[in-house]
Amino acid sequence: MIIKILGSGCPNCKTLERRAIQAAEELNISAEFKEVRDFKEIASYGIMRTPGLAINEKVVSAGYVPKVDEIKALILEHASQEDTSNKVQ
């Protein structure tokens, strides 16, 4: 799972990163965390306000800092999508 923090590195971006790391740790989910600070790259995700949170290249929040529990729910939702997409049919 790849979790990206989209933003300039502002205090809200740092808070979002800390909360996302905490959420993944509490769920015992292995994730790679990346910061995306390039504004052209951020714009390519289609968000107009930062910070943004992307899980496996899908933007799941933008313009605010979700609480840890909300991030946990988003991670679980996308982890279950990963599981189903990796199964052989």
PDB file of N, CA and C in Angstrom:
ATOM      1  N   MET A   1       0.852  -1.168   0.000  1.00  0.00           N
ATOM      2  CA  MET A   1       0.000   0.000   0.000  1.00  0.00           C
ATOM      3  C   MET A   1       0.899   1.234   0.000  1.00  0.00           C
ATOM      4  N   ILE A   2       0.579   2.166  -0.874  1.00  0.00           N
ATOM      5  CA  ILE A   2       1.325   3.428  -0.935  1.00  0.00           C
ATOM      6  C   ILE A   2       0.386   4.552  -0.517  1.00  0.00           C
ATOM      7  N   ILE A   3       0.820   5.302   0.463  1.00  0.00           N
ATOM      8  CA  ILE A   3       0.038   6.426   0.973  1.00  0.00           C
ATOM      9  C   ILE A   3       0.833   7.693   0.700  1.00  0.00           C
ATOM     10  N   LYS A   4       0.195   8.626  -0.002  1.00  0.00           N
ATOM     11  CA  LYS A   4       0.860   9.877  -0.359  1.00  0.00           C
ATOM     12  C   LYS A   4       0.184  11.048   0.329  1.00  0.00           C
ATOM     13  N   ILE A   5       1.027  11.945   0.831  1.00  0.00           N
ATOM     14  CA  ILE A   5       0.577  13.204   1.392  1.00  0.00           C
ATOM     15  C   ILE A   5       0.837  14.257   0.323  1.00  0.00           C
ATOM     16  N   LEU A   6      -0.226  14.901  -0.138  1.00  0.00           N
ATOM     17  CA  LEU A   6      -0.122  15.886  -1.206  1.00  0.00           C
ATOM     18  C   LEU A   6      -0.201  17.286  -0.616  1.00  0.00           C
ATOM     19  N   GLY A   7       0.901  18.024  -0.691  1.00  0.00           N
ATOM     20  CA  GLY A   7       0.894  19.378  -0.159  1.00  0.00           C
ATOM     21  C   GLY A   7       2.282  19.970  -0.095  1.00  0.00           C
ATOM     22  N   SER A   8       2.340  21.195   0.381  1.00  0.00           N
ATOM     23  CA  SER A   8       3.577  21.970   0.364  1.00  0.00           C
ATOM     24  C   SER A   8       4.536  21.645   1.500  1.00  0.00           C
ATOM     25  N   GLY A   9       4.089  20.842   2.451  1.00  0.00           N
ATOM     26  CA  GLY A   9       4.912  20.578   3.632  1.00  0.00           C
ATOM     27  C   GLY A   9       4.525  21.474   4.793  1.00  0.00           C
ATOM     28  N   CYS A  10       3.361  22.092   4.697  1.00  0.00           N
ATOM     29  CA  CYS A  10       2.855  23.004   5.721  1.00  0.00           C
ATOM     30  C   CYS A  10       2.523  22.224   7.010  1.00  0.00           C
ATOM     31  N   PRO A  11       2.230  22.918   8.092  1.00  0.00           N
ATOM     32  CA  PRO A  11       1.871  22.224   9.334  1.00  0.00           C
ATOM     33  C   PRO A  11       0.703  21.251   9.182  1.00  0.00           C
ATOM     34  N   ASN A  12      -0.313  21.600   8.391  1.00  0.00           N
ATOM     35  CA  ASN A  12      -1.420  20.672   8.175  1.00  0.00           C
ATOM     36  C   ASN A  12      -0.959  19.411   7.438  1.00  0.00           C
ATOM     37  N   CYS A  13      -0.036  19.567   6.513  1.00  0.00           N
ATOM     38  CA  CYS A  13       0.502  18.415   5.784  1.00  0.00           C
ATOM     39  C   CYS A  13       1.249  17.491   6.747  1.00  0.00           C
ATOM     40  N   LYS A  14       2.032  18.071   7.623  1.00  0.00           N
ATOM     41  CA  LYS A  14       2.791  17.292   8.604  1.00  0.00           C
ATOM     42  C   LYS A  14       1.844  16.578   9.569  1.00  0.00           C
ATOM     43  N   THR A  15       0.776  17.263   9.978  1.00  0.00           N
ATOM     44  CA  THR A  15      -0.214  16.635  10.861  1.00  0.00           C
ATOM     45  C   THR A  15      -0.880  15.464  10.156  1.00  0.00           C
ATOM     46  N   LEU A  16      -1.240  15.650   8.888  1.00  0.00           N
ATOM     47  CA  LEU A  16      -1.859  14.580   8.117  1.00  0.00           C
ATOM     48  C   LEU A  16      -0.913  13.390   7.999  1.00  0.00           C
ATOM     49  N   GLU A  17       0.347  13.659   7.748  1.00  0.00           N
ATOM     50  CA  GLU A  17       1.323  12.574   7.638  1.00  0.00           C
ATOM     51  C   GLU A  17       1.441  11.807   8.960  1.00  0.00           C
ATOM     52  N   ARG A  18       1.526  12.530  10.077  1.00  0.00           N
ATOM     53  CA  ARG A  18       1.616  11.873  11.390  1.00  0.00           C
ATOM     54  C   ARG A  18       0.383  11.012  11.654  1.00  0.00           C
ATOM     55  N   ARG A  19      -0.782  11.553  11.353  1.00  0.00           N
ATOM     56  CA  ARG A  19      -2.026  10.808  11.589  1.00  0.00           C
ATOM     57  C   ARG A  19      -2.113   9.579  10.686  1.00  0.00           C
ATOM     58  N   ALA A  20      -1.691   9.701   9.444  1.00  0.00           N
ATOM     59  CA  ALA A  20      -1.735   8.560   8.520  1.00  0.00           C
ATOM     60  C   ALA A  20      -0.786   7.459   8.983  1.00  0.00           C
ATOM     61  N   ILE A  21       0.393   7.842   9.428  1.00  0.00           N
ATOM     62  CA  ILE A  21       1.354   6.859   9.949  1.00  0.00           C
ATOM     63  C   ILE A  21       0.783   6.184  11.191  1.00  0.00           C
ATOM     64  N   GLN A  22       0.205   6.980  12.088  1.00  0.00           N
ATOM     65  CA  GLN A  22      -0.404   6.434  13.294  1.00  0.00           C
ATOM     66  C   GLN A  22      -1.527   5.457  12.946  1.00  0.00           C
ATOM     67  N   ALA A  23      -2.367   5.830  11.992  1.00  0.00           N
ATOM     68  CA  ALA A  23      -3.486   4.977  11.592  1.00  0.00           C
ATOM     69  C   ALA A  23      -2.976   3.637  11.054  1.00  0.00           C
ATOM     70  N   ALA A  24      -1.984   3.679  10.183  1.00  0.00           N
ATOM     71  CA  ALA A  24      -1.434   2.439   9.618  1.00  0.00           C
ATOM     72  C   ALA A  24      -0.805   1.576  10.708  1.00  0.00           C
ATOM     73  N   GLU A  25      -0.084   2.213  11.628  1.00  0.00           N
ATOM     74  CA  GLU A  25       0.536   1.461  12.727  1.00  0.00           C
ATOM     75  C   GLU A  25      -0.517   0.811  13.607  1.00  0.00           C
ATOM     76  N   GLU A  26      -1.577   1.554  13.941  1.00  0.00           N
ATOM     77  CA  GLU A  26      -2.635   1.008  14.791  1.00  0.00           C
ATOM     78  C   GLU A  26      -3.355  -0.153  14.124  1.00  0.00           C
ATOM     79  N   LEU A  27      -3.422  -0.137  12.787  1.00  0.00           N
ATOM     80  CA  LEU A  27      -4.060  -1.212  12.035  1.00  0.00           C
ATOM     81  C   LEU A  27      -3.083  -2.344  11.716  1.00  0.00           C
ATOM     82  N   ASN A  28      -1.812  -2.127  12.052  1.00  0.00           N
ATOM     83  CA  ASN A  28      -0.758  -3.095  11.745  1.00  0.00           C
ATOM     84  C   ASN A  28      -0.700  -3.390  10.248  1.00  0.00           C
ATOM     85  N   ILE A  29      -0.815  -2.316   9.463  1.00  0.00           N
ATOM     86  CA  ILE A  29      -0.766  -2.422   7.999  1.00  0.00           C
ATOM     87  C   ILE A  29       0.543  -1.808   7.516  1.00  0.00           C
ATOM     88  N   SER A  30       1.226  -2.567   6.692  1.00  0.00           N
ATOM     89  CA  SER A  30       2.480  -2.091   6.121  1.00  0.00           C
ATOM     90  C   SER A  30       2.165  -1.135   4.973  1.00  0.00           C
ATOM     91  N   ALA A  31       2.759   0.040   5.031  1.00  0.00           N
ATOM     92  CA  ALA A  31       2.521   1.033   3.982  1.00  0.00           C
ATOM     93  C   ALA A  31       3.795   1.811   3.720  1.00  0.00           C
ATOM     94  N   GLU A  32       3.925   2.249   2.495  1.00  0.00           N
ATOM     95  CA  GLU A  32       5.023   3.135   2.107  1.00  0.00           C
ATOM     96  C   GLU A  32       4.441   4.541   2.047  1.00  0.00           C
ATOM     97  N   PHE A  33       5.079   5.460   2.752  1.00  0.00           N
ATOM     98  CA  PHE A  33       4.596   6.839   2.809  1.00  0.00           C
ATOM     99  C   PHE A  33       5.483   7.730   1.943  1.00  0.00           C
ATOM    100  N   LYS A  34       4.830   8.580   1.157  1.00  0.00           N
ATOM    101  CA  LYS A  34       5.554   9.504   0.284  1.00  0.00           C
ATOM    102  C   LYS A  34       4.937  10.892   0.406  1.00  0.00           C
ATOM    103  N   GLU A  35       5.788  11.893   0.334  1.00  0.00           N
ATOM    104  CA  GLU A  35       5.315  13.276   0.291  1.00  0.00           C
ATOM    105  C   GLU A  35       5.396  13.749  -1.156  1.00  0.00           C
ATOM    106  N   VAL A  36       4.330  14.371  -1.624  1.00  0.00           N
ATOM    107  CA  VAL A  36       4.315  14.966  -2.962  1.00  0.00           C
ATOM    108  C   VAL A  36       4.188  16.467  -2.761  1.00  0.00           C
ATOM    109  N   ARG A  37       5.255  17.196  -3.070  1.00  0.00           N
ATOM    110  CA  ARG A  37       5.275  18.644  -2.861  1.00  0.00           C
ATOM    111  C   ARG A  37       5.271  19.441  -4.159  1.00  0.00           C
ATOM    112  N   ASP A  38       5.480  18.778  -5.273  1.00  0.00           N
ATOM    113  CA  ASP A  38       5.497  19.457  -6.567  1.00  0.00           C
ATOM    114  C   ASP A  38       4.068  19.824  -6.954  1.00  0.00           C
ATOM    115  N   PHE A  39       3.825  21.118  -7.151  1.00  0.00           N
ATOM    116  CA  PHE A  39       2.459  21.583  -7.383  1.00  0.00           C
ATOM    117  C   PHE A  39       1.866  21.053  -8.692  1.00  0.00           C
ATOM    118  N   LYS A  40       2.679  20.850  -9.702  1.00  0.00           N
ATOM    119  CA  LYS A  40       2.159  20.276 -10.949  1.00  0.00           C
ATOM    120  C   LYS A  40       1.710  18.832 -10.707  1.00  0.00           C
ATOM    121  N   GLU A  41       2.498  18.098  -9.945  1.00  0.00           N
ATOM    122  CA  GLU A  41       2.131  16.714  -9.645  1.00  0.00           C
ATOM    123  C   GLU A  41       0.874  16.669  -8.772  1.00  0.00           C
ATOM    124  N   ILE A  42       0.795  17.581  -7.794  1.00  0.00           N
ATOM    125  CA  ILE A  42      -0.400  17.648  -6.942  1.00  0.00           C
ATOM    126  C   ILE A  42      -1.631  17.940  -7.801  1.00  0.00           C
ATOM    127  N   ALA A  43      -1.494  18.889  -8.717  1.00  0.00           N
ATOM    128  CA  ALA A  43      -2.610  19.253  -9.596  1.00  0.00           C
ATOM    129  C   ALA A  43      -3.039  18.076 -10.467  1.00  0.00           C
ATOM    130  N   SER A  44      -2.100  17.208 -10.810  1.00  0.00           N
ATOM    131  CA  SER A  44      -2.442  16.049 -11.644  1.00  0.00           C
ATOM    132  C   SER A  44      -3.395  15.087 -10.928  1.00  0.00           C
ATOM    133  N   TYR A  45      -3.496  15.199  -9.607  1.00  0.00           N
ATOM    134  CA  TYR A  45      -4.434  14.379  -8.839  1.00  0.00           C
ATOM    135  C   TYR A  45      -5.842  14.993  -8.832  1.00  0.00           C
ATOM    136  N   GLY A  46      -5.962  16.210  -9.370  1.00  0.00           N
ATOM    137  CA  GLY A  46      -7.266  16.836  -9.483  1.00  0.00           C
ATOM    138  C   GLY A  46      -7.759  17.521  -8.216  1.00  0.00           C
ATOM    139  N   ILE A  47      -6.870  17.802  -7.283  1.00  0.00           N
ATOM    140  CA  ILE A  47      -7.308  18.492  -6.069  1.00  0.00           C
ATOM    141  C   ILE A  47      -6.956  19.970  -6.170  1.00  0.00           C
ATOM    142  N   MET A  48      -7.809  20.785  -5.582  1.00  0.00           N
ATOM    143  CA  MET A  48      -7.603  22.224  -5.624  1.00  0.00           C
ATOM    144  C   MET A  48      -7.103  22.763  -4.281  1.00  0.00           C
ATOM    145  N   ARG A  49      -7.338  22.009  -3.213  1.00  0.00           N
ATOM    146  CA  ARG A  49      -6.908  22.452  -1.882  1.00  0.00           C
ATOM    147  C   ARG A  49      -6.111  21.340  -1.219  1.00  0.00           C
ATOM    148  N   THR A  50      -5.062  21.738  -0.527  1.00  0.00           N
ATOM    149  CA  THR A  50      -4.246  20.786   0.209  1.00  0.00           C
ATOM    150  C   THR A  50      -4.508  20.956   1.702  1.00  0.00           C
ATOM    151  N   PRO A  51      -4.146  19.998   2.519  1.00  0.00           N
ATOM    152  CA  PRO A  51      -3.422  18.789   2.152  1.00  0.00           C
ATOM    153  C   PRO A  51      -4.359  17.753   1.543  1.00  0.00           C
ATOM    154  N   GLY A  52      -3.756  16.891   0.765  1.00  0.00           N
ATOM    155  CA  GLY A  52      -4.504  15.788   0.186  1.00  0.00           C
ATOM    156  C   GLY A  52      -3.910  14.472   0.634  1.00  0.00           C
ATOM    157  N   LEU A  53      -4.739  13.453   0.641  1.00  0.00           N
ATOM    158  CA  LEU A  53      -4.310  12.109   1.011  1.00  0.00           C
ATOM    159  C   LEU A  53      -4.701  11.169  -0.121  1.00  0.00           C
ATOM    160  N   ALA A  54      -3.718  10.451  -0.646  1.00  0.00           N
ATOM    161  CA  ALA A  54      -3.966   9.475  -1.707  1.00  0.00           C
ATOM    162  C   ALA A  54      -3.514   8.105  -1.230  1.00  0.00           C
ATOM    163  N   ILE A  55      -4.363   7.126  -1.453  1.00  0.00           N
ATOM    164  CA  ILE A  55      -4.031   5.745  -1.114  1.00  0.00           C
ATOM    165  C   ILE A  55      -4.041   4.954  -2.409  1.00  0.00           C
ATOM    166  N   ASN A  56      -2.885   4.360  -2.718  1.00  0.00           N
ATOM    167  CA  ASN A  56      -2.740   3.606  -3.975  1.00  0.00           C
ATOM    168  C   ASN A  56      -3.199   4.430  -5.175  1.00  0.00           C
ATOM    169  N   GLU A  57      -2.755   5.679  -5.199  1.00  0.00           N
ATOM    170  CA  GLU A  57      -2.987   6.623  -6.301  1.00  0.00           C
ATOM    171  C   GLU A  57      -4.405   7.148  -6.387  1.00  0.00           C
ATOM    172  N   LYS A  58      -5.266   6.839  -5.437  1.00  0.00           N
ATOM    173  CA  LYS A  58      -6.630   7.375  -5.436  1.00  0.00           C
ATOM    174  C   LYS A  58      -6.752   8.406  -4.330  1.00  0.00           C
ATOM    175  N   VAL A  59      -7.158   9.621  -4.671  1.00  0.00           N
ATOM    176  CA  VAL A  59      -7.343  10.675  -3.675  1.00  0.00           C
ATOM    177  C   VAL A  59      -8.552  10.315  -2.819  1.00  0.00           C
ATOM    178  N   VAL A  60      -8.327  10.283  -1.495  1.00  0.00           N
ATOM    179  CA  VAL A  60      -9.406   9.918  -0.574  1.00  0.00           C
ATOM    180  C   VAL A  60      -9.820  11.084   0.315  1.00  0.00           C
ATOM    181  N   SER A  61      -9.002  12.132   0.364  1.00  0.00           N
ATOM    182  CA  SER A  61      -9.389  13.353   1.075  1.00  0.00           C
ATOM    183  C   SER A  61      -8.565  14.513   0.542  1.00  0.00           C
ATOM    184  N   ALA A  62      -9.137  15.715   0.652  1.00  0.00           N
ATOM    185  CA  ALA A  62      -8.427  16.918   0.209  1.00  0.00           C
ATOM    186  C   ALA A  62      -9.010  18.131   0.902  1.00  0.00           C
ATOM    187  N   GLY A  63      -8.136  19.056   1.260  1.00  0.00           N
ATOM    188  CA  GLY A  63      -8.570  20.330   1.806  1.00  0.00           C
ATOM    189  C   GLY A  63      -8.783  20.364   3.301  1.00  0.00           C
ATOM    190  N   TYR A  64      -8.549  19.241   3.970  1.00  0.00           N
ATOM    191  CA  TYR A  64      -8.680  19.209   5.423  1.00  0.00           C
ATOM    192  C   TYR A  64      -7.839  18.051   5.969  1.00  0.00           C
ATOM    193  N   VAL A  65      -7.701  18.005   7.292  1.00  0.00           N
ATOM    194  CA  VAL A  65      -6.931  16.952   7.929  1.00  0.00           C
ATOM    195  C   VAL A  65      -7.899  16.005   8.638  1.00  0.00           C
ATOM    196  N   PRO A  66      -8.124  14.818   8.075  1.00  0.00           N
ATOM    197  CA  PRO A  66      -9.038  13.871   8.711  1.00  0.00           C
ATOM    198  C   PRO A  66      -8.483  13.372  10.047  1.00  0.00           C
ATOM    199  N   LYS A  67      -9.378  12.960  10.919  1.00  0.00           N
ATOM    200  CA  LYS A  67      -8.983  12.379  12.195  1.00  0.00           C
ATOM    201  C   LYS A  67      -8.410  10.983  11.950  1.00  0.00           C
ATOM    202  N   VAL A  68      -7.662  10.488  12.924  1.00  0.00           N
ATOM    203  CA  VAL A  68      -7.009   9.183  12.786  1.00  0.00           C
ATOM    204  C   VAL A  68      -8.032   8.095  12.471  1.00  0.00           C
ATOM    205  N   ASP A  69      -9.169   8.099  13.157  1.00  0.00           N
ATOM    206  CA  ASP A  69     -10.177   7.064  12.919  1.00  0.00           C
ATOM    207  C   ASP A  69     -10.715   7.103  11.489  1.00  0.00           C
ATOM    208  N   GLU A  70     -10.861   8.297  10.940  1.00  0.00           N
ATOM    209  CA  GLU A  70     -11.323   8.415   9.558  1.00  0.00           C
ATOM    210  C   GLU A  70     -10.273   7.863   8.591  1.00  0.00           C
ATOM    211  N   ILE A  71      -9.017   8.158   8.874  1.00  0.00           N
ATOM    212  CA  ILE A  71      -7.931   7.649   8.026  1.00  0.00           C
ATOM    213  C   ILE A  71      -7.873   6.125   8.119  1.00  0.00           C
ATOM    214  N   LYS A  72      -8.081   5.592   9.315  1.00  0.00           N
ATOM    215  CA  LYS A  72      -8.093   4.134   9.476  1.00  0.00           C
ATOM    216  C   LYS A  72      -9.178   3.506   8.610  1.00  0.00           C
ATOM    217  N   ALA A  73     -10.359   4.106   8.602  1.00  0.00           N
ATOM    218  CA  ALA A  73     -11.457   3.585   7.780  1.00  0.00           C
ATOM    219  C   ALA A  73     -11.098   3.641   6.297  1.00  0.00           C
ATOM    220  N   LEU A  74     -10.467   4.721   5.869  1.00  0.00           N
ATOM    221  CA  LEU A  74     -10.059   4.849   4.466  1.00  0.00           C
ATOM    222  C   LEU A  74      -9.011   3.803   4.103  1.00  0.00           C
ATOM    223  N   ILE A  75      -8.064   3.582   5.009  1.00  0.00           N
ATOM    224  CA  ILE A  75      -7.030   2.570   4.766  1.00  0.00           C
ATOM    225  C   ILE A  75      -7.665   1.190   4.657  1.00  0.00           C
ATOM    226  N   LEU A  76      -8.556   0.873   5.586  1.00  0.00           N
ATOM    227  CA  LEU A  76      -9.207  -0.442   5.557  1.00  0.00           C
ATOM    228  C   LEU A  76     -10.015  -0.639   4.277  1.00  0.00           C
ATOM    229  N   GLU A  77     -10.704   0.403   3.858  1.00  0.00           N
ATOM    230  CA  GLU A  77     -11.489   0.321   2.622  1.00  0.00           C
ATOM    231  C   GLU A  77     -10.595   0.002   1.433  1.00  0.00           C
ATOM    232  N   HIS A  78      -9.454   0.660   1.367  1.00  0.00           N
ATOM    233  CA  HIS A  78      -8.561   0.457   0.230  1.00  0.00           C
ATOM    234  C   HIS A  78      -7.739  -0.812   0.374  1.00  0.00           C
ATOM    235  N   ALA A  79      -7.496  -1.258   1.582  1.00  0.00           N
ATOM    236  CA  ALA A  79      -6.808  -2.533   1.794  1.00  0.00           C
ATOM    237  C   ALA A  79      -7.702  -3.674   1.327  1.00  0.00           C
ATOM    238  N   SER A  80      -9.006  -3.573   1.592  1.00  0.00           N
ATOM    239  CA  SER A  80      -9.922  -4.628   1.149  1.00  0.00           C
ATOM    240  C   SER A  80     -10.056  -4.614  -0.364  1.00  0.00           C
ATOM    241  N   GLN A  81      -9.976  -3.442  -0.982  1.00  0.00           N
ATOM    242  CA  GLN A  81     -10.003  -3.368  -2.448  1.00  0.00           C
ATOM    243  C   GLN A  81      -8.759  -4.000  -3.042  1.00  0.00           C
ATOM    244  N   GLU A  82      -7.612  -3.820  -2.365  1.00  0.00           N
ATOM    245  CA  GLU A  82      -6.371  -4.449  -2.810  1.00  0.00           C
ATOM    246  C   GLU A  82      -6.515  -5.965  -2.787  1.00  0.00           C
ATOM    247  N   ASP A  83      -7.081  -6.473  -1.690  1.00  0.00           N
ATOM    248  CA  ASP A  83      -7.249  -7.923  -1.532  1.00  0.00           C
ATOM    249  C   ASP A  83      -8.098  -8.500  -2.653  1.00  0.00           C
ATOM    250  N   THR A  84      -9.201  -7.841  -2.974  1.00  0.00           N
ATOM    251  CA  THR A  84     -10.084  -8.382  -3.998  1.00  0.00           C
ATOM    252  C   THR A  84      -9.495  -8.240  -5.393  1.00  0.00           C
ATOM    253  N   SER A  85      -8.707  -7.200  -5.608  1.00  0.00           N
ATOM    254  CA  SER A  85      -8.129  -7.014  -6.940  1.00  0.00           C
ATOM    255  C   SER A  85      -6.949  -7.961  -7.167  1.00  0.00           C
ATOM    256  N   ASN A  86      -6.371  -8.503  -6.105  1.00  0.00           N
ATOM    257  CA  ASN A  86      -5.228  -9.409  -6.248  1.00  0.00           C
ATOM    258  C   ASN A  86      -5.646 -10.865  -6.340  1.00  0.00           C
ATOM    259  N   LYS A  87      -6.911 -11.167  -6.138  1.00  0.00           N
ATOM    260  CA  LYS A  87      -7.365 -12.552  -6.174  1.00  0.00           C
ATOM    261  C   LYS A  87      -7.521 -13.014  -7.626  1.00  0.00           C
ATOM    262  N   VAL A  88      -7.166 -14.264  -7.855  1.00  0.00           N
ATOM    263  CA  VAL A  88      -7.316 -14.863  -9.182  1.00  0.00           C
ATOM    264  C   VAL A  88      -8.752 -15.339  -9.312  1.00  0.00           C
ATOM    265  N   GLN A  89      -9.358 -15.040 -10.435  1.00  0.00           N
ATOM    266  CA  GLN A  89     -10.752 -15.442 -10.644  1.00  0.00           C
ATOM    267  C   GLN A  89     -10.849 -16.625 -11.540  1.00  0.00           C
TER     268      GLN A  89
END
